[in-house]
Amino acid sequence: MSVEMTPEAQATELAEELGEAITELPAYEAFVEAKAAIQADPELQREMASFEQLREEFLMARETGTASNEDLRELQAAQEELHDNPTMNAYLRAKSDIELRLQEIDHIISEPLDVEFGQTAGGCCQD
């Protein structure tokens, strides 16, 4: 005797299978490897922390109205330098690739629905 699954149970099972399948995508594997490379590079971690501090200082200066165009140029130059790092560059490419693939999957899931699945799942109210 076979027990029929409820639609909720079937959707949950399919979602779990989808999640597992996504972890096997070459784009996901490349992203995980690139992220691990960033985390394993202490010099890059220091550069990222330095850039993040500079960015926070710029945002605070902008909020108080004291940020200058020179401050913005300095921040942009620091970001370009960080992104020029080969390890960071590989991570950014891998991140973009997996985000694009996930958007494609979201579109496929959303096609039969009356809403964009990923946007709705994000919890924001959008009409």
C-alpha atoms as a PDB file:
ATOM      1  CA  MET A   1       0.000   0.000   0.000  1.00  0.00           C
ATOM      2  CA  SER A   2       1.479   3.303  -1.047  1.00  0.00           C
ATOM      3  CA  VAL A   3       0.850   6.473   0.881  1.00  0.00           C
ATOM      4  CA  GLU A   4       0.229   9.549  -1.247  1.00  0.00           C
ATOM      5  CA  MET A   5       2.184  12.642  -0.257  1.00  0.00           C
ATOM      6  CA  THR A   6       0.401  15.883   0.524  1.00  0.00           C
ATOM      7  CA  PRO A   7       1.206  18.805  -1.780  1.00  0.00           C
ATOM      8  CA  GLU A   8       3.088  20.441   1.103  1.00  0.00           C
ATOM      9  CA  ALA A   9       5.206  17.353   1.724  1.00  0.00           C
ATOM     10  CA  GLN A  10       5.856  16.945  -1.988  1.00  0.00           C
ATOM     11  CA  ALA A  11       6.905  20.616  -2.325  1.00  0.00           C
ATOM     12  CA  THR A  12       9.215  20.269   0.676  1.00  0.00           C
ATOM     13  CA  GLU A  13      10.812  17.128  -0.711  1.00  0.00           C
ATOM     14  CA  LEU A  14      11.317  18.745  -4.113  1.00  0.00           C
ATOM     15  CA  ALA A  15      12.826  21.847  -2.471  1.00  0.00           C
ATOM     16  CA  GLU A  16      15.289  19.669  -0.550  1.00  0.00           C
ATOM     17  CA  GLU A  17      16.224  17.852  -3.772  1.00  0.00           C
ATOM     18  CA  LEU A  18      16.671  21.197  -5.539  1.00  0.00           C
ATOM     19  CA  GLY A  19      18.935  22.459  -2.759  1.00  0.00           C
ATOM     20  CA  GLU A  20      21.055  19.321  -2.986  1.00  0.00           C
ATOM     21  CA  ALA A  21      21.209  19.583  -6.793  1.00  0.00           C
ATOM     22  CA  ILE A  22      22.314  23.231  -6.557  1.00  0.00           C
ATOM     23  CA  THR A  23      25.247  22.233  -4.333  1.00  0.00           C
ATOM     24  CA  GLU A  24      26.421  19.970  -7.170  1.00  0.00           C
ATOM     25  CA  LEU A  25      26.402  22.707  -9.825  1.00  0.00           C
ATOM     26  CA  PRO A  26      29.891  23.605 -11.111  1.00  0.00           C
ATOM     27  CA  ALA A  27      29.050  27.291 -10.488  1.00  0.00           C
ATOM     28  CA  TYR A  28      28.222  26.555  -6.838  1.00  0.00           C
ATOM     29  CA  GLU A  29      31.347  24.441  -6.371  1.00  0.00           C
ATOM     30  CA  ALA A  30      33.475  27.212  -7.897  1.00  0.00           C
ATOM     31  CA  PHE A  31      31.847  29.750  -5.559  1.00  0.00           C
ATOM     32  CA  VAL A  32      32.541  27.608  -2.483  1.00  0.00           C
ATOM     33  CA  GLU A  33      36.167  27.118  -3.552  1.00  0.00           C
ATOM     34  CA  ALA A  34      36.651  30.838  -4.253  1.00  0.00           C
ATOM     35  CA  LYS A  35      35.115  31.759  -0.896  1.00  0.00           C
ATOM     36  CA  ALA A  36      37.412  29.297   0.888  1.00  0.00           C
ATOM     37  CA  ALA A  37      40.421  30.805  -0.905  1.00  0.00           C
ATOM     38  CA  ILE A  38      39.494  34.263   0.373  1.00  0.00           C
ATOM     39  CA  GLN A  39      39.068  32.978   3.900  1.00  0.00           C
ATOM     40  CA  ALA A  40      42.438  31.225   3.746  1.00  0.00           C
ATOM     41  CA  ASP A  41      44.353  34.344   2.656  1.00  0.00           C
ATOM     42  CA  PRO A  42      45.314  36.412   5.720  1.00  0.00           C
ATOM     43  CA  GLU A  43      46.735  39.288   3.652  1.00  0.00           C
ATOM     44  CA  LEU A  44      43.519  39.528   1.643  1.00  0.00           C
ATOM     45  CA  GLN A  45      41.519  39.407   4.871  1.00  0.00           C
ATOM     46  CA  ARG A  46      43.512  42.406   6.130  1.00  0.00           C
ATOM     47  CA  GLU A  47      42.914  44.268   2.846  1.00  0.00           C
ATOM     48  CA  MET A  48      39.188  43.525   3.078  1.00  0.00           C
ATOM     49  CA  ALA A  49      39.041  44.743   6.678  1.00  0.00           C
ATOM     50  CA  SER A  50      40.924  47.901   5.740  1.00  0.00           C
ATOM     51  CA  PHE A  51      38.575  48.567   2.827  1.00  0.00           C
ATOM     52  CA  GLU A  52      35.527  47.920   5.011  1.00  0.00           C
ATOM     53  CA  GLN A  53      36.779  50.410   7.607  1.00  0.00           C
ATOM     54  CA  LEU A  54      37.398  53.007   4.895  1.00  0.00           C
ATOM     55  CA  ARG A  55      33.894  52.377   3.518  1.00  0.00           C
ATOM     56  CA  GLU A  56      32.313  52.765   6.961  1.00  0.00           C
ATOM     57  CA  GLU A  57      34.215  56.009   7.538  1.00  0.00           C
ATOM     58  CA  PHE A  58      33.034  57.306   4.163  1.00  0.00           C
ATOM     59  CA  LEU A  59      29.411  56.381   4.900  1.00  0.00           C
ATOM     60  CA  MET A  60      29.567  58.149   8.269  1.00  0.00           C
ATOM     61  CA  ALA A  61      31.134  61.232   6.653  1.00  0.00           C
ATOM     62  CA  ARG A  62      28.428  61.191   3.989  1.00  0.00           C
ATOM     63  CA  GLU A  63      25.712  61.020   6.648  1.00  0.00           C
ATOM     64  CA  THR A  64      27.173  64.014   8.436  1.00  0.00           C
ATOM     65  CA  GLY A  65      27.709  65.914   5.197  1.00  0.00           C
ATOM     66  CA  THR A  66      31.499  65.991   5.502  1.00  0.00           C
ATOM     67  CA  ALA A  67      32.336  63.511   2.722  1.00  0.00           C
ATOM     68  CA  SER A  68      34.208  65.022  -0.201  1.00  0.00           C
ATOM     69  CA  ASN A  69      34.677  63.942  -3.789  1.00  0.00           C
ATOM     70  CA  GLU A  70      38.262  63.133  -2.860  1.00  0.00           C
ATOM     71  CA  ASP A  71      36.975  60.774  -0.146  1.00  0.00           C
ATOM     72  CA  LEU A  72      34.789  59.065  -2.741  1.00  0.00           C
ATOM     73  CA  ARG A  73      37.692  58.737  -5.180  1.00  0.00           C
ATOM     74  CA  GLU A  74      39.850  57.260  -2.405  1.00  0.00           C
ATOM     75  CA  LEU A  75      37.140  54.720  -1.599  1.00  0.00           C
ATOM     76  CA  GLN A  76      36.693  53.809  -5.271  1.00  0.00           C
ATOM     77  CA  ALA A  77      40.454  53.408  -5.727  1.00  0.00           C
ATOM     78  CA  ALA A  78      40.642  51.148  -2.674  1.00  0.00           C
ATOM     79  CA  GLN A  79      37.773  49.055  -4.021  1.00  0.00           C
ATOM     80  CA  GLU A  80      39.417  48.734  -7.440  1.00  0.00           C
ATOM     81  CA  GLU A  81      42.678  47.688  -5.795  1.00  0.00           C
ATOM     82  CA  LEU A  82      40.863  45.079  -3.713  1.00  0.00           C
ATOM     83  CA  HIS A  83      38.986  43.768  -6.755  1.00  0.00           C
ATOM     84  CA  ASP A  84      42.240  43.571  -8.734  1.00  0.00           C
ATOM     85  CA  ASN A  85      43.535  40.962  -6.313  1.00  0.00           C
ATOM     86  CA  PRO A  86      43.378  37.674  -8.280  1.00  0.00           C
ATOM     87  CA  THR A  87      41.795  35.748  -5.397  1.00  0.00           C
ATOM     88  CA  MET A  88      39.151  38.433  -4.857  1.00  0.00           C
ATOM     89  CA  ASN A  89      38.558  38.724  -8.590  1.00  0.00           C
ATOM     90  CA  ALA A  90      37.990  34.954  -8.863  1.00  0.00           C
ATOM     91  CA  TYR A  91      35.572  35.131  -5.922  1.00  0.00           C
ATOM     92  CA  LEU A  92      33.604  37.999  -7.455  1.00  0.00           C
ATOM     93  CA  ARG A  93      33.330  36.162 -10.786  1.00  0.00           C
ATOM     94  CA  ALA A  94      32.230  32.944  -9.051  1.00  0.00           C
ATOM     95  CA  LYS A  95      29.701  34.856  -6.939  1.00  0.00           C
ATOM     96  CA  SER A  96      28.263  36.532 -10.018  1.00  0.00           C
ATOM     97  CA  ASP A  97      28.058  33.199 -11.859  1.00  0.00           C
ATOM     98  CA  ILE A  98      26.151  31.437  -9.065  1.00  0.00           C
ATOM     99  CA  GLU A  99      23.854  34.434  -8.560  1.00  0.00           C
ATOM    100  CA  LEU A 100      22.996  34.383 -12.279  1.00  0.00           C
ATOM    101  CA  ARG A 101      22.334  30.638 -12.176  1.00  0.00           C
ATOM    102  CA  LEU A 102      20.122  31.039  -9.099  1.00  0.00           C
ATOM    103  CA  GLN A 103      18.189  33.803 -10.858  1.00  0.00           C
ATOM    104  CA  GLU A 104      17.611  31.457 -13.785  1.00  0.00           C
ATOM    105  CA  ILE A 105      16.364  28.763 -11.406  1.00  0.00           C
ATOM    106  CA  ASP A 106      14.141  31.325  -9.676  1.00  0.00           C
ATOM    107  CA  HIS A 107      12.642  32.259 -13.031  1.00  0.00           C
ATOM    108  CA  ILE A 108      11.921  28.604 -13.835  1.00  0.00           C
ATOM    109  CA  ILE A 109      10.255  28.092 -10.442  1.00  0.00           C
ATOM    110  CA  SER A 110       8.302  31.347 -10.759  1.00  0.00           C
ATOM    111  CA  GLU A 111       7.042  30.713 -14.278  1.00  0.00           C
ATOM    112  CA  PRO A 112       3.923  28.749 -13.235  1.00  0.00           C
ATOM    113  CA  LEU A 113       3.323  31.018 -10.227  1.00  0.00           C
ATOM    114  CA  ASP A 114       1.715  34.416 -10.092  1.00  0.00           C
ATOM    115  CA  VAL A 115       4.717  35.882  -8.220  1.00  0.00           C
ATOM    116  CA  GLU A 116       8.494  35.964  -8.500  1.00  0.00           C
ATOM    117  CA  PHE A 117       9.443  33.156  -6.128  1.00  0.00           C
ATOM    118  CA  GLY A 118      12.851  34.457  -4.987  1.00  0.00           C
ATOM    119  CA  GLN A 119      11.583  37.984  -4.325  1.00  0.00           C
ATOM    120  CA  THR A 120       8.603  36.693  -2.368  1.00  0.00           C
ATOM    121  CA  ALA A 121      10.753  34.248  -0.444  1.00  0.00           C
ATOM    122  CA  GLY A 122      12.968  37.178   0.551  1.00  0.00           C
ATOM    123  CA  GLY A 123      10.207  38.438   2.806  1.00  0.00           C
ATOM    124  CA  CYS A 124       9.752  41.884   1.302  1.00  0.00           C
ATOM    125  CA  CYS A 125       6.309  43.046   0.376  1.00  0.00           C
ATOM    126  CA  GLN A 126       6.360  43.940  -3.308  1.00  0.00           C
ATOM    127  CA  ASP A 127       3.379  44.375  -5.610  1.00  0.00           C
END
